[in-house]
Protein backbone atom coordinates (compact mmCIF):
# COMPACT_ATOMS: atom_id res chain seq x y z
CA UNK A 1 -109.69 -107.79 -11.65
CA UNK A 2 -109.40 -109.72 -8.23
CA UNK A 3 -113.31 -110.24 -8.91
CA UNK A 4 -112.88 -112.17 -11.79
CA UNK A 5 -109.81 -114.26 -10.97
CA UNK A 6 -112.17 -115.11 -7.91
CA UNK A 7 -115.10 -116.33 -10.23
CA UNK A 8 -112.44 -118.21 -12.59
CA UNK A 9 -110.89 -120.04 -9.74
CA UNK A 10 -114.27 -121.04 -8.22
CA UNK A 11 -115.27 -122.22 -11.75
CA UNK A 12 -112.42 -124.09 -12.20
CA UNK A 13 -113.14 -125.79 -8.58
CA UNK A 14 -116.34 -126.66 -9.44
CA UNK A 15 -115.32 -128.30 -12.77
CA UNK A 16 -112.43 -130.34 -11.36
CA UNK A 17 -114.63 -131.49 -8.60
CA UNK A 18 -117.39 -132.64 -10.81
CA UNK A 19 -114.55 -134.36 -12.98
CA UNK A 20 -113.51 -136.41 -9.63
CA UNK A 21 -116.93 -137.12 -8.60
CA UNK A 22 -118.96 -137.78 -11.59
CA UNK A 23 -117.73 -140.83 -12.86
CA UNK A 24 -119.80 -140.73 -16.08
CA UNK A 25 -118.17 -137.32 -17.28
CA UNK A 26 -114.51 -138.90 -16.48
CA UNK A 27 -115.51 -142.23 -18.42
CA UNK A 28 -115.89 -140.38 -21.67
CA UNK A 29 -112.63 -138.88 -21.75
CA UNK A 30 -111.21 -142.03 -21.00
CA UNK A 31 -110.19 -144.97 -23.49
CA UNK A 32 -109.55 -148.42 -23.66
CA UNK A 33 -109.04 -150.40 -20.31
CA UNK A 34 -109.76 -147.96 -17.56
CA UNK A 35 -112.79 -146.47 -19.34
CA UNK A 36 -114.27 -150.40 -19.32
CA UNK A 37 -113.26 -150.49 -15.60
CA UNK A 38 -115.14 -147.49 -14.76
CA UNK A 39 -118.15 -148.28 -17.14
CA UNK A 40 -118.55 -151.87 -14.79
CA UNK A 41 -117.80 -149.93 -11.55
CA UNK A 42 -120.75 -147.71 -12.49
CA UNK A 43 -122.86 -151.21 -13.48
CA UNK A 44 -122.04 -152.68 -9.76
CA UNK A 45 -122.76 -149.55 -7.86
CA UNK A 46 -119.15 -148.90 -6.65
CA UNK A 47 -119.27 -145.11 -6.56
CA UNK A 48 -118.13 -142.84 -3.85
CA UNK A 49 -120.16 -140.75 -1.67
CA UNK A 50 -121.58 -137.43 -2.87
CA UNK A 51 -119.73 -134.31 -1.71
CA UNK A 52 -122.12 -132.42 0.71
CA UNK A 53 -123.54 -129.03 -0.87
CA UNK A 54 -122.32 -127.25 2.73
CA UNK A 55 -118.84 -127.48 1.79
CA UNK A 56 -119.69 -125.41 -1.82
CA UNK A 57 -121.42 -123.28 0.54
CA UNK A 58 -118.60 -122.64 2.94
CA UNK A 59 -116.21 -122.19 -0.10
CA UNK A 60 -118.39 -119.19 -0.87
CA UNK A 61 -118.43 -117.89 2.81
CA UNK A 62 -114.71 -117.62 2.88
CA UNK A 63 -114.79 -115.96 -0.67
CA UNK A 64 -115.91 -112.88 1.30
CA UNK A 65 -113.26 -112.68 3.70
CA UNK A 66 -109.80 -111.26 3.66
CA UNK A 67 -107.06 -110.74 5.81
CA UNK A 68 -107.22 -112.22 9.31
CA UNK A 69 -110.71 -113.31 9.22
CA UNK A 70 -110.10 -115.53 6.02
CA UNK A 71 -107.01 -117.00 7.70
CA UNK A 72 -108.54 -117.76 10.91
CA UNK A 73 -111.51 -119.39 9.69
CA UNK A 74 -109.69 -121.50 7.12
CA UNK A 75 -107.24 -122.61 9.78
CA UNK A 76 -110.00 -123.49 12.41
CA UNK A 77 -112.10 -125.22 10.07
CA UNK A 78 -108.78 -127.48 8.18
CA UNK A 79 -107.98 -128.57 11.61
CA UNK A 80 -111.04 -129.67 12.25
CA UNK A 81 -111.72 -131.27 8.74
CA UNK A 82 -108.08 -133.28 9.19
CA UNK A 83 -109.21 -134.59 12.57
CA UNK A 84 -111.58 -136.07 11.01
CA UNK A 85 -109.51 -137.70 8.27
CA UNK A 86 -107.15 -139.24 10.64
CA UNK A 87 -110.05 -140.59 12.79
CA UNK A 88 -110.99 -142.36 9.37
CA UNK A 89 -107.93 -143.62 8.39
CA UNK A 90 -107.15 -145.14 11.54
CA UNK A 91 -110.22 -147.00 11.50
CA UNK A 92 -109.13 -148.55 8.20
CA UNK A 93 -105.74 -149.38 9.56
CA UNK A 94 -107.59 -151.59 12.16
CA UNK A 95 -109.97 -152.87 10.07
CA UNK A 96 -108.81 -152.88 6.14
CA UNK A 97 -107.07 -155.43 4.68
CA UNK A 98 -106.24 -153.91 1.32
CA UNK A 99 -102.00 -152.99 1.38
CA UNK A 100 -102.69 -150.15 -0.74
CA UNK A 101 -105.36 -148.90 0.93
CA UNK A 102 -103.86 -149.00 4.25
CA UNK A 103 -100.65 -147.49 2.82
CA UNK A 104 -102.78 -144.40 1.61
CA UNK A 105 -104.30 -144.08 5.30
CA UNK A 106 -100.98 -144.19 7.03
CA UNK A 107 -100.11 -141.59 4.63
CA UNK A 108 -103.03 -139.50 5.67
CA UNK A 109 -102.53 -139.98 8.96
CA UNK A 110 -98.71 -138.83 8.61
CA UNK A 111 -99.26 -135.48 6.76
CA UNK A 112 -102.62 -134.42 8.26
CA UNK A 113 -101.12 -134.83 11.63
CA UNK A 114 -98.36 -132.81 10.81
CA UNK A 115 -100.45 -130.08 9.27
CA UNK A 116 -102.78 -130.25 12.41
CA UNK A 117 -99.56 -129.45 14.63
CA UNK A 118 -98.45 -126.65 12.06
CA UNK A 119 -101.67 -124.97 11.41
CA UNK A 120 -102.33 -124.80 15.70
CA UNK A 121 -99.11 -123.13 15.94
CA UNK A 122 -99.70 -120.56 13.44
CA UNK A 123 -102.92 -119.71 14.89
CA UNK A 124 -101.09 -119.38 17.70
CA UNK A 125 -98.33 -117.64 16.36
CA UNK A 126 -100.23 -115.10 14.09
CA UNK A 127 -103.41 -114.32 15.86
CA UNK A 128 -103.08 -115.71 19.60
CA UNK A 129 -105.65 -118.32 19.08
CA UNK A 130 -106.46 -121.93 19.66
CA UNK A 131 -108.40 -123.51 16.74
CA UNK A 132 -111.64 -123.57 19.11
CA UNK A 133 -110.96 -119.97 20.01
CA UNK A 134 -110.64 -119.14 16.12
CA UNK A 135 -114.00 -121.43 15.23
CA UNK A 136 -115.85 -119.44 18.09
CA UNK A 137 -115.15 -115.97 16.69
CA UNK A 138 -116.27 -116.96 13.01
CA UNK A 139 -119.28 -115.20 11.48
CA UNK A 140 -122.54 -116.99 12.29
CA UNK A 141 -122.73 -118.14 8.73
CA UNK A 142 -119.77 -119.87 8.68
CA UNK A 143 -120.24 -121.40 12.17
CA UNK A 144 -123.16 -123.16 10.87
CA UNK A 145 -121.62 -124.41 7.93
CA UNK A 146 -118.67 -125.89 10.00
CA UNK A 147 -121.26 -127.91 12.06
CA UNK A 148 -123.10 -129.17 9.55
CA UNK A 149 -119.74 -130.41 7.87
CA UNK A 150 -118.81 -131.94 11.32
CA UNK A 151 -121.95 -133.61 11.48
CA UNK A 152 -121.42 -134.83 8.27
CA UNK A 153 -117.95 -136.31 9.43
CA UNK A 154 -119.27 -137.51 12.56
CA UNK A 155 -121.85 -139.50 10.49
CA UNK A 156 -119.11 -140.92 8.01
CA UNK A 157 -117.59 -142.27 11.43
CA UNK A 158 -120.26 -144.05 12.82
CA UNK A 159 -120.94 -145.67 9.47
CA UNK A 160 -117.51 -146.80 9.18
CA UNK A 161 -117.74 -148.58 12.90
CA UNK A 162 -120.77 -150.57 11.59
CA UNK A 163 -118.50 -152.15 8.95
CA UNK A 164 -116.49 -155.36 9.75
CA UNK A 165 -112.96 -156.03 9.09
CA UNK A 166 -112.08 -156.92 5.39
CA UNK A 167 -112.45 -156.04 1.95
CA UNK A 168 -115.70 -154.18 2.64
CA UNK A 169 -114.55 -151.66 4.99
CA UNK A 170 -111.70 -150.84 2.34
CA UNK A 171 -114.72 -150.15 -0.09
CA UNK A 172 -116.48 -147.96 2.42
CA UNK A 173 -113.36 -146.19 3.60
CA UNK A 174 -112.24 -145.29 -0.07
CA UNK A 175 -116.19 -144.25 -1.05
CA UNK A 176 -116.22 -141.61 2.25
CA UNK A 177 -112.48 -140.35 1.90
CA UNK A 178 -113.21 -139.17 -1.72
CA UNK A 179 -115.96 -136.42 -0.44
CA UNK A 180 -113.89 -135.97 2.34
CA UNK A 181 -111.01 -134.89 0.37
CA UNK A 182 -113.23 -132.84 -1.90
CA UNK A 183 -114.39 -130.71 0.88
CA UNK A 184 -110.52 -129.85 1.59
CA UNK A 185 -109.96 -128.90 -1.58
CA UNK A 186 -113.02 -126.69 -1.64
CA UNK A 187 -112.21 -125.33 1.50
CA UNK A 188 -108.19 -124.62 0.27
CA UNK A 189 -109.20 -122.56 -3.04
CA UNK A 190 -109.50 -119.06 -1.40
CA UNK A 191 -106.42 -119.27 1.16
CA UNK A 192 -104.47 -120.82 -1.44
CA UNK A 193 -104.71 -117.63 -3.31
CA UNK A 194 -105.84 -115.02 -0.95
CA UNK A 195 -104.15 -115.71 2.01
CA UNK A 196 -101.76 -112.95 3.66
CA UNK A 197 -99.10 -115.26 4.62
CA UNK A 198 -97.04 -116.76 1.86
CA UNK A 199 -96.62 -120.02 3.89
CA UNK A 200 -100.45 -120.40 4.25
CA UNK A 201 -100.89 -119.99 0.56
CA UNK A 202 -98.22 -122.46 0.10
CA UNK A 203 -99.85 -125.17 2.68
CA UNK A 204 -103.08 -124.76 1.19
CA UNK A 205 -102.09 -125.43 -2.43
CA UNK A 206 -100.08 -128.60 -1.64
CA UNK A 207 -102.90 -129.79 0.45
CA UNK A 208 -104.96 -129.57 -2.18
CA UNK A 209 -102.85 -131.05 -4.81
CA UNK A 210 -102.15 -133.85 -2.91
CA UNK A 211 -105.73 -134.43 -2.01
CA UNK A 212 -106.93 -134.39 -5.49
CA UNK A 213 -104.27 -136.92 -6.53
CA UNK A 214 -105.67 -139.20 -3.72
CA UNK A 215 -109.02 -138.45 -5.34
CA UNK A 216 -108.13 -140.16 -8.51
CA UNK A 217 -106.05 -142.79 -7.16
CA UNK A 218 -108.90 -143.75 -4.83
CA UNK A 219 -111.68 -143.66 -7.83
CA UNK A 220 -109.47 -145.65 -9.59
CA UNK A 221 -108.91 -148.40 -7.32
CA UNK A 222 -113.05 -148.49 -6.69
CA UNK A 223 -113.17 -148.98 -10.30
CA UNK A 224 -110.62 -151.41 -10.91
CA UNK A 225 -110.21 -153.85 -7.93
CA UNK A 226 -112.31 -156.51 -9.60
CA UNK A 227 -110.17 -156.94 -12.57
CA UNK A 228 -106.89 -156.66 -14.19
CA UNK A 229 -107.66 -154.25 -16.92
CA UNK A 230 -106.67 -151.13 -15.24
CA UNK A 231 -103.79 -152.57 -13.71
CA UNK A 232 -102.37 -153.65 -17.49
CA UNK A 233 -103.20 -149.94 -18.48
CA UNK A 234 -101.17 -148.69 -15.42
CA UNK A 235 -98.36 -151.47 -16.76
CA UNK A 236 -98.53 -149.43 -19.74
CA UNK A 237 -97.42 -146.41 -18.29
CA UNK A 238 -100.48 -144.11 -19.35
CA UNK A 239 -102.17 -143.47 -15.99
CA UNK A 240 -101.11 -140.86 -13.02
CA UNK A 241 -99.01 -141.45 -9.77
CA UNK A 242 -100.13 -139.83 -6.53
CA UNK A 243 -98.81 -136.37 -6.14
CA UNK A 244 -95.61 -136.23 -3.80
CA UNK A 245 -95.19 -134.39 -0.31
CA UNK A 246 -93.88 -131.09 -1.55
CA UNK A 247 -92.27 -129.30 1.75
CA UNK A 248 -93.55 -127.20 4.41
CA UNK A 249 -97.42 -127.30 4.57
CA UNK A 250 -97.65 -130.08 2.36
CA UNK A 251 -99.92 -133.49 3.00
CA UNK A 252 -98.05 -136.42 2.41
CA UNK A 253 -99.46 -138.28 -0.63
CA UNK A 254 -98.68 -142.09 -1.19
CA UNK A 255 -95.44 -143.15 -3.28
CA UNK A 256 -97.10 -146.52 -3.72
CA UNK A 257 -99.82 -145.52 -6.05
CA UNK A 258 -103.11 -147.76 -6.05
CA UNK A 259 -103.74 -149.16 -9.12
CA UNK A 260 -103.76 -145.49 -10.27
CA UNK A 261 -105.59 -144.19 -12.94
CA UNK A 262 -107.64 -141.67 -15.08
CA UNK A 263 -106.20 -138.97 -17.42
CA UNK A 264 -109.19 -136.85 -16.93
CA UNK A 265 -109.13 -137.17 -13.31
CA UNK A 266 -105.30 -136.10 -13.56
CA UNK A 267 -106.17 -133.26 -15.47
CA UNK A 268 -108.63 -132.16 -12.76
CA UNK A 269 -105.81 -132.74 -10.12
CA UNK A 270 -103.57 -130.83 -12.39
CA UNK A 271 -106.04 -127.83 -13.38
CA UNK A 272 -106.27 -127.51 -8.95
CA UNK A 273 -102.63 -127.23 -9.30
CA UNK A 274 -102.62 -124.41 -11.48
CA UNK A 275 -105.09 -122.31 -9.57
CA UNK A 276 -103.53 -122.92 -6.97
CA UNK A 277 -100.85 -121.00 -6.97
CA UNK A 278 -102.55 -117.58 -8.17
CA UNK A 279 -101.29 -115.03 -5.63
CA UNK A 280 -103.50 -111.89 -4.75
CA UNK A 281 -101.90 -108.80 -6.00
CA UNK A 282 -100.42 -106.93 -2.95
CA UNK A 283 -100.71 -109.94 -0.48
CA UNK A 284 -98.74 -109.54 2.57
CA UNK A 285 -95.61 -111.35 2.78
CA UNK A 286 -94.18 -113.32 6.10
């Protein structure tokens, strides 16, 4: 039964990420102004960068582990992953000009820095390790994948540093943050369902849900920044908001949603939210 649940969980994740990252599929599910805005964005090339395949490989690696190995590997990687997001968000605050995107960047910094501190503390309390020590003791396969993902983040940062201040920077930041968040969602799938500590399961779940909501909002910002049609749909009350901060371990999301949208993308985030609360039978409690 546990194997079946794991397969279903991963299949759901792939479906959700595809809905969030492949705009053509999402467009078919939308109607009216939002669909038109997305179609226009596609025509003009305002699409997010792709999620690196190695993120899915790392998700499969996590699926092979349990107990201490699963928790320490996830914590080591997600701390590194969050640090990259914080660096990207700080660049947005220095060079971006869009008020909504800047608010999201500030929320990323606040929420991720809180989780970095929290996850570092848990690693020390539970296993007597630093993030670096946890990474060094990971299986060789995982170390290779982590190094590749870290290089991908550095490539994003280097590309952002080449973009001048202004609207072009906002666009570049959003295009890169979408796949970065998608990696975080993928990395959280196994620990949110099978981590031994209940607090870690909750932290992974709430973090994935918040990042999924931001993916939807960022996708909509890319689609609608040149016109009023998505704003009209938002005013009609048919588009989603960013996910709230849900407590201990949560990643903070904006309380001022962007020109938000996409029922299909909201559904993708919701699917992840359902999956994240699964708990393995017999998991150890705190």
